[in-house]
Amino acid sequence: MHEIAYDRPLKMKRAFSSILFAAGIVSILAGLTAAFGLTVGGLVTSIAVIAVLLYAGGLWLGGASASIVAAGADVVIVFDRSLKITAGPAPGSSVMAQFPDALRPEIEMRCRVALRGEHTHFECEHAGARLAFDIAPVQSIQGVVLYGVLISGSGIAAPAAAPAPLTTVA
């Protein structure tokens, strides 16, 4: 499956956190082994302390937050009137920063349409993959549009017909 640009920072964060996690385990094991000596009892104590710290950290930090990805969607983004992300990947950043340059003008236009109260759906081809987008308004009880929601999913790989994205309105 084709990797989209907004997936890369998440993968980098996961790789970096895994490296930090492994380094922490090694340093705790090394420190406790040095303190208790390289004996069976010292190793068992080190492993027990690591397990307790991992359990306590999991309880303290609450684990992973719930993902708001709908079935069949790769990304769900809730954005405000300034087109800043309020829920989804990278809260506080621009919606457009999550997508490749070639797709940004179309996505920005569709987000602004959603903030005026209209739902839109479009598909485009980018870098050999077909992408589908649903962008809709989120209204208050009084009917005032407060936010917009962008749901994107990648479909089947398709040969790109042109270097720029091709859009079709459904």
C-alpha atoms as a PDB file:
ATOM      1  CA  MET A   1       0.000   0.000   0.000  1.00  0.00           C
ATOM      2  CA  HIS A   2       1.225   3.493  -0.799  1.00  0.00           C
ATOM      3  CA  GLU A   3       2.552   5.562   2.093  1.00  0.00           C
ATOM      4  CA  ILE A   4       1.052   9.053   2.341  1.00  0.00           C
ATOM      5  CA  ALA A   5       3.197  11.961   3.532  1.00  0.00           C
ATOM      6  CA  TYR A   6       1.195  12.556   6.712  1.00  0.00           C
ATOM      7  CA  ASP A   7       2.028   8.984   7.903  1.00  0.00           C
ATOM      8  CA  ARG A   8       5.787   9.644   8.031  1.00  0.00           C
ATOM      9  CA  PRO A   9       5.933  11.838  11.182  1.00  0.00           C
ATOM     10  CA  LEU A  10       3.850   9.289  13.098  1.00  0.00           C
ATOM     11  CA  LYS A  11       6.182   6.454  12.065  1.00  0.00           C
ATOM     12  CA  MET A  12       9.213   8.540  13.016  1.00  0.00           C
ATOM     13  CA  LYS A  13       7.708   9.283  16.451  1.00  0.00           C
ATOM     14  CA  ARG A  14       7.025   5.584  17.011  1.00  0.00           C
ATOM     15  CA  ALA A  15      10.556   4.608  15.973  1.00  0.00           C
ATOM     16  CA  PHE A  16      12.084   7.279  18.220  1.00  0.00           C
ATOM     17  CA  SER A  17       9.916   6.296  21.194  1.00  0.00           C
ATOM     18  CA  SER A  18      10.849   2.623  20.675  1.00  0.00           C
ATOM     19  CA  ILE A  19      14.546   3.537  20.717  1.00  0.00           C
ATOM     20  CA  LEU A  20      14.075   5.581  23.905  1.00  0.00           C
ATOM     21  CA  PHE A  21      12.095   2.731  25.475  1.00  0.00           C
ATOM     22  CA  ALA A  22      14.847   0.196  24.672  1.00  0.00           C
ATOM     23  CA  ALA A  23      17.547   2.551  25.971  1.00  0.00           C
ATOM     24  CA  GLY A  24      15.598   3.024  29.220  1.00  0.00           C
ATOM     25  CA  ILE A  25      15.233  -0.727  29.767  1.00  0.00           C
ATOM     26  CA  VAL A  26      18.950  -1.292  29.100  1.00  0.00           C
ATOM     27  CA  SER A  27      20.030   1.518  31.444  1.00  0.00           C
ATOM     28  CA  ILE A  28      17.736   0.333  34.263  1.00  0.00           C
ATOM     29  CA  LEU A  29      18.994  -3.222  33.821  1.00  0.00           C
ATOM     30  CA  ALA A  30      22.622  -2.047  33.771  1.00  0.00           C
ATOM     31  CA  GLY A  31      22.183   0.223  36.800  1.00  0.00           C
ATOM     32  CA  LEU A  32      20.418  -2.335  38.950  1.00  0.00           C
ATOM     33  CA  THR A  33      22.830  -5.079  37.911  1.00  0.00           C
ATOM     34  CA  ALA A  34      25.728  -2.836  38.950  1.00  0.00           C
ATOM     35  CA  ALA A  35      24.023  -2.114  42.278  1.00  0.00           C
ATOM     36  CA  PHE A  36      23.068  -5.708  43.085  1.00  0.00           C
ATOM     37  CA  GLY A  37      25.915  -7.440  41.275  1.00  0.00           C
ATOM     38  CA  LEU A  38      25.812  -9.838  38.364  1.00  0.00           C
ATOM     39  CA  THR A  39      24.018 -12.616  40.204  1.00  0.00           C
ATOM     40  CA  VAL A  40      20.809 -14.504  39.569  1.00  0.00           C
ATOM     41  CA  GLY A  41      19.125 -12.607  42.407  1.00  0.00           C
ATOM     42  CA  GLY A  42      20.332  -9.275  40.997  1.00  0.00           C
ATOM     43  CA  LEU A  43      19.023 -10.068  37.516  1.00  0.00           C
ATOM     44  CA  VAL A  44      15.642 -11.222  38.877  1.00  0.00           C
ATOM     45  CA  THR A  45      15.392  -8.047  40.951  1.00  0.00           C
ATOM     46  CA  SER A  46      16.288  -5.898  37.920  1.00  0.00           C
ATOM     47  CA  ILE A  47      13.654  -7.585  35.751  1.00  0.00           C
ATOM     48  CA  ALA A  48      11.029  -7.254  38.521  1.00  0.00           C
ATOM     49  CA  VAL A  49      11.777  -3.538  38.932  1.00  0.00           C
ATOM     50  CA  ILE A  50      11.507  -3.003  35.161  1.00  0.00           C
ATOM     51  CA  ALA A  51       8.138  -4.795  35.090  1.00  0.00           C
ATOM     52  CA  VAL A  52       6.821  -2.719  38.010  1.00  0.00           C
ATOM     53  CA  LEU A  53       7.981   0.536  36.383  1.00  0.00           C
ATOM     54  CA  LEU A  54       6.345  -0.406  33.070  1.00  0.00           C
ATOM     55  CA  TYR A  55       3.090  -1.290  34.828  1.00  0.00           C
ATOM     56  CA  ALA A  56       3.106   1.924  36.867  1.00  0.00           C
ATOM     57  CA  GLY A  57       3.908   3.989  33.761  1.00  0.00           C
ATOM     58  CA  GLY A  58       1.053   2.370  31.881  1.00  0.00           C
ATOM     59  CA  LEU A  59      -1.358   3.174  34.693  1.00  0.00           C
ATOM     60  CA  TRP A  60      -0.034   6.700  35.153  1.00  0.00           C
ATOM     61  CA  LEU A  61      -0.110   7.664  31.486  1.00  0.00           C
ATOM     62  CA  GLY A  62      -3.350   5.839  30.775  1.00  0.00           C
ATOM     63  CA  GLY A  63      -2.135   3.977  27.716  1.00  0.00           C
ATOM     64  CA  ALA A  64      -2.867   5.027  24.166  1.00  0.00           C
ATOM     65  CA  SER A  65      -5.669   7.473  23.547  1.00  0.00           C
ATOM     66  CA  ALA A  66      -8.702   6.267  21.671  1.00  0.00           C
ATOM     67  CA  SER A  67      -8.376   6.654  17.948  1.00  0.00           C
ATOM     68  CA  ILE A  68     -11.141   8.458  16.084  1.00  0.00           C
ATOM     69  CA  VAL A  69     -10.725   6.652  12.779  1.00  0.00           C
ATOM     70  CA  ALA A  70     -13.935   5.476  11.175  1.00  0.00           C
ATOM     71  CA  ALA A  71     -14.178   2.049   9.572  1.00  0.00           C
ATOM     72  CA  GLY A  72     -12.543   2.131   6.142  1.00  0.00           C
ATOM     73  CA  ALA A  73     -10.905   5.518   6.791  1.00  0.00           C
ATOM     74  CA  ASP A  74      -7.198   6.205   7.072  1.00  0.00           C
ATOM     75  CA  VAL A  75      -7.552   9.629   8.685  1.00  0.00           C
ATOM     76  CA  VAL A  76     -10.294  11.545  10.503  1.00  0.00           C
ATOM     77  CA  ILE A  77      -9.587  15.234  11.162  1.00  0.00           C
ATOM     78  CA  VAL A  78     -11.855  17.700  12.952  1.00  0.00           C
ATOM     79  CA  PHE A  79     -10.937  21.312  12.128  1.00  0.00           C
ATOM     80  CA  ASP A  80     -12.074  24.769  13.196  1.00  0.00           C
ATOM     81  CA  ARG A  81     -12.836  27.933  11.211  1.00  0.00           C
ATOM     82  CA  SER A  82      -9.140  28.833  10.977  1.00  0.00           C
ATOM     83  CA  LEU A  83      -8.497  25.391   9.406  1.00  0.00           C
ATOM     84  CA  LYS A  84      -6.523  24.249  12.451  1.00  0.00           C
ATOM     85  CA  ILE A  85      -6.860  20.658  13.628  1.00  0.00           C
ATOM     86  CA  THR A  86      -8.850  20.310  16.853  1.00  0.00           C
ATOM     87  CA  ALA A  87      -8.985  16.491  16.880  1.00  0.00           C
ATOM     88  CA  GLY A  88      -6.933  14.022  14.901  1.00  0.00           C
ATOM     89  CA  PRO A  89      -3.250  13.914  13.990  1.00  0.00           C
ATOM     90  CA  ALA A  90      -1.188  16.932  15.156  1.00  0.00           C
ATOM     91  CA  PRO A  91      -3.830  19.024  16.987  1.00  0.00           C
ATOM     92  CA  GLY A  92      -3.208  22.761  16.583  1.00  0.00           C
ATOM     93  CA  SER A  93      -1.480  22.445  13.227  1.00  0.00           C
ATOM     94  CA  SER A  94      -2.911  23.331   9.840  1.00  0.00           C
ATOM     95  CA  VAL A  95      -5.120  20.814   8.060  1.00  0.00           C
ATOM     96  CA  MET A  96      -3.236  21.467   4.832  1.00  0.00           C
ATOM     97  CA  ALA A  97       0.107  20.593   6.439  1.00  0.00           C
ATOM     98  CA  GLN A  98      -1.111  16.988   6.733  1.00  0.00           C
ATOM     99  CA  PHE A  99      -1.338  16.469   2.979  1.00  0.00           C
ATOM    100  CA  PRO A 100       0.999  16.638  -0.028  1.00  0.00           C
ATOM    101  CA  ASP A 101       1.407  20.048  -1.727  1.00  0.00           C
ATOM    102  CA  ALA A 102      -0.462  18.966  -4.859  1.00  0.00           C
ATOM    103  CA  LEU A 103      -3.621  18.170  -2.851  1.00  0.00           C
ATOM    104  CA  ARG A 104      -3.653  21.237  -0.587  1.00  0.00           C
ATOM    105  CA  PRO A 105      -5.563  23.731  -2.799  1.00  0.00           C
ATOM    106  CA  GLU A 106      -8.418  21.281  -3.402  1.00  0.00           C
ATOM    107  CA  ILE A 107      -8.611  20.235   0.256  1.00  0.00           C
ATOM    108  CA  GLU A 108      -8.545  23.868   1.443  1.00  0.00           C
ATOM    109  CA  MET A 109     -11.356  24.829  -0.917  1.00  0.00           C
ATOM    110  CA  ARG A 110     -13.463  21.837   0.184  1.00  0.00           C
ATOM    111  CA  CYS A 111     -12.847  22.575   3.890  1.00  0.00           C
ATOM    112  CA  ARG A 112     -14.026  26.160   3.406  1.00  0.00           C
ATOM    113  CA  VAL A 113     -17.140  24.850   1.623  1.00  0.00           C
ATOM    114  CA  ALA A 114     -17.818  22.577   4.608  1.00  0.00           C
ATOM    115  CA  LEU A 115     -17.524  25.551   6.974  1.00  0.00           C
ATOM    116  CA  ARG A 116     -20.261  27.226   4.906  1.00  0.00           C
ATOM    117  CA  GLY A 117     -22.499  24.229   5.635  1.00  0.00           C
ATOM    118  CA  GLU A 118     -22.067  21.975   2.582  1.00  0.00           C
ATOM    119  CA  HIS A 119     -20.931  18.351   2.506  1.00  0.00           C
ATOM    120  CA  THR A 120     -18.550  17.373  -0.308  1.00  0.00           C
ATOM    121  CA  HIS A 121     -16.978  14.162  -1.513  1.00  0.00           C
ATOM    122  CA  PHE A 122     -14.166  13.881  -4.003  1.00  0.00           C
ATOM    123  CA  GLU A 123     -11.610  11.396  -5.184  1.00  0.00           C
ATOM    124  CA  CYS A 124      -8.199  12.072  -6.626  1.00  0.00           C
ATOM    125  CA  GLU A 125      -5.122  10.267  -7.794  1.00  0.00           C
ATOM    126  CA  HIS A 126      -1.813  11.135  -6.206  1.00  0.00           C
ATOM    127  CA  ALA A 127       1.514   9.314  -6.519  1.00  0.00           C
ATOM    128  CA  GLY A 128      -0.153   6.263  -8.035  1.00  0.00           C
ATOM    129  CA  ALA A 129      -2.858   5.860  -5.414  1.00  0.00           C
ATOM    130  CA  ARG A 130      -6.521   6.798  -5.514  1.00  0.00           C
ATOM    131  CA  LEU A 131      -7.608   8.771  -2.458  1.00  0.00           C
ATOM    132  CA  ALA A 132     -11.182   9.476  -1.358  1.00  0.00           C
ATOM    133  CA  PHE A 133     -12.181  12.448   0.795  1.00  0.00           C
ATOM    134  CA  ASP A 134     -15.431  13.257   2.578  1.00  0.00           C
ATOM    135  CA  ILE A 135     -15.551  16.726   4.102  1.00  0.00           C
ATOM    136  CA  ALA A 136     -18.631  17.780   6.070  1.00  0.00           C
ATOM    137  CA  PRO A 137     -19.796  20.508   8.441  1.00  0.00           C
ATOM    138  CA  VAL A 138     -20.320  19.905  12.158  1.00  0.00           C
ATOM    139  CA  GLN A 139     -23.284  21.943  13.374  1.00  0.00           C
ATOM    140  CA  SER A 140     -24.561  22.970  16.783  1.00  0.00           C
ATOM    141  CA  ILE A 141     -28.133  22.283  17.873  1.00  0.00           C
ATOM    142  CA  GLN A 142     -29.057  25.731  16.540  1.00  0.00           C
ATOM    143  CA  GLY A 143     -27.663  24.840  13.100  1.00  0.00           C
ATOM    144  CA  VAL A 144     -24.517  26.999  13.371  1.00  0.00           C
ATOM    145  CA  VAL A 145     -21.469  25.403  11.762  1.00  0.00           C
ATOM    146  CA  LEU A 146     -18.805  25.181  14.453  1.00  0.00           C
ATOM    147  CA  TYR A 147     -16.316  22.744  12.936  1.00  0.00           C
ATOM    148  CA  GLY A 148     -15.663  20.650   9.891  1.00  0.00           C
ATOM    149  CA  VAL A 149     -14.679  17.013   9.659  1.00  0.00           C
ATOM    150  CA  LEU A 150     -12.425  15.538   6.975  1.00  0.00           C
ATOM    151  CA  ILE A 151     -12.385  11.788   6.462  1.00  0.00           C
ATOM    152  CA  SER A 152      -9.878  10.402   3.998  1.00  0.00           C
ATOM    153  CA  GLY A 153      -9.209   6.901   2.880  1.00  0.00           C
ATOM    154  CA  SER A 154      -6.983   5.376   0.282  1.00  0.00           C
ATOM    155  CA  GLY A 155      -8.417   3.060  -2.253  1.00  0.00           C
ATOM    156  CA  ILE A 156      -6.788   0.766  -4.739  1.00  0.00           C
ATOM    157  CA  ALA A 157      -3.492   1.632  -6.329  1.00  0.00           C
ATOM    158  CA  ALA A 158      -4.071   3.193  -9.732  1.00  0.00           C
ATOM    159  CA  PRO A 159      -1.595   4.434 -12.317  1.00  0.00           C
ATOM    160  CA  ALA A 160      -1.418   8.205 -12.142  1.00  0.00           C
ATOM    161  CA  ALA A 161      -2.928   9.783 -15.240  1.00  0.00           C
ATOM    162  CA  ALA A 162      -1.309  13.175 -14.613  1.00  0.00           C
ATOM    163  CA  PRO A 163       1.276  14.671 -12.226  1.00  0.00           C
ATOM    164  CA  ALA A 164      -1.388  16.870 -10.572  1.00  0.00           C
ATOM    165  CA  PRO A 165      -4.342  15.370  -8.681  1.00  0.00           C
ATOM    166  CA  LEU A 166      -7.429  14.582 -10.703  1.00  0.00           C
ATOM    167  CA  THR A 167     -10.670  15.262  -8.890  1.00  0.00           C
ATOM    168  CA  THR A 168     -14.175  14.049  -9.475  1.00  0.00           C
ATOM    169  CA  VAL A 169     -17.141  15.362  -7.554  1.00  0.00           C
ATOM    170  CA  ALA A 170     -19.772  12.874  -6.480  1.00  0.00           C
END
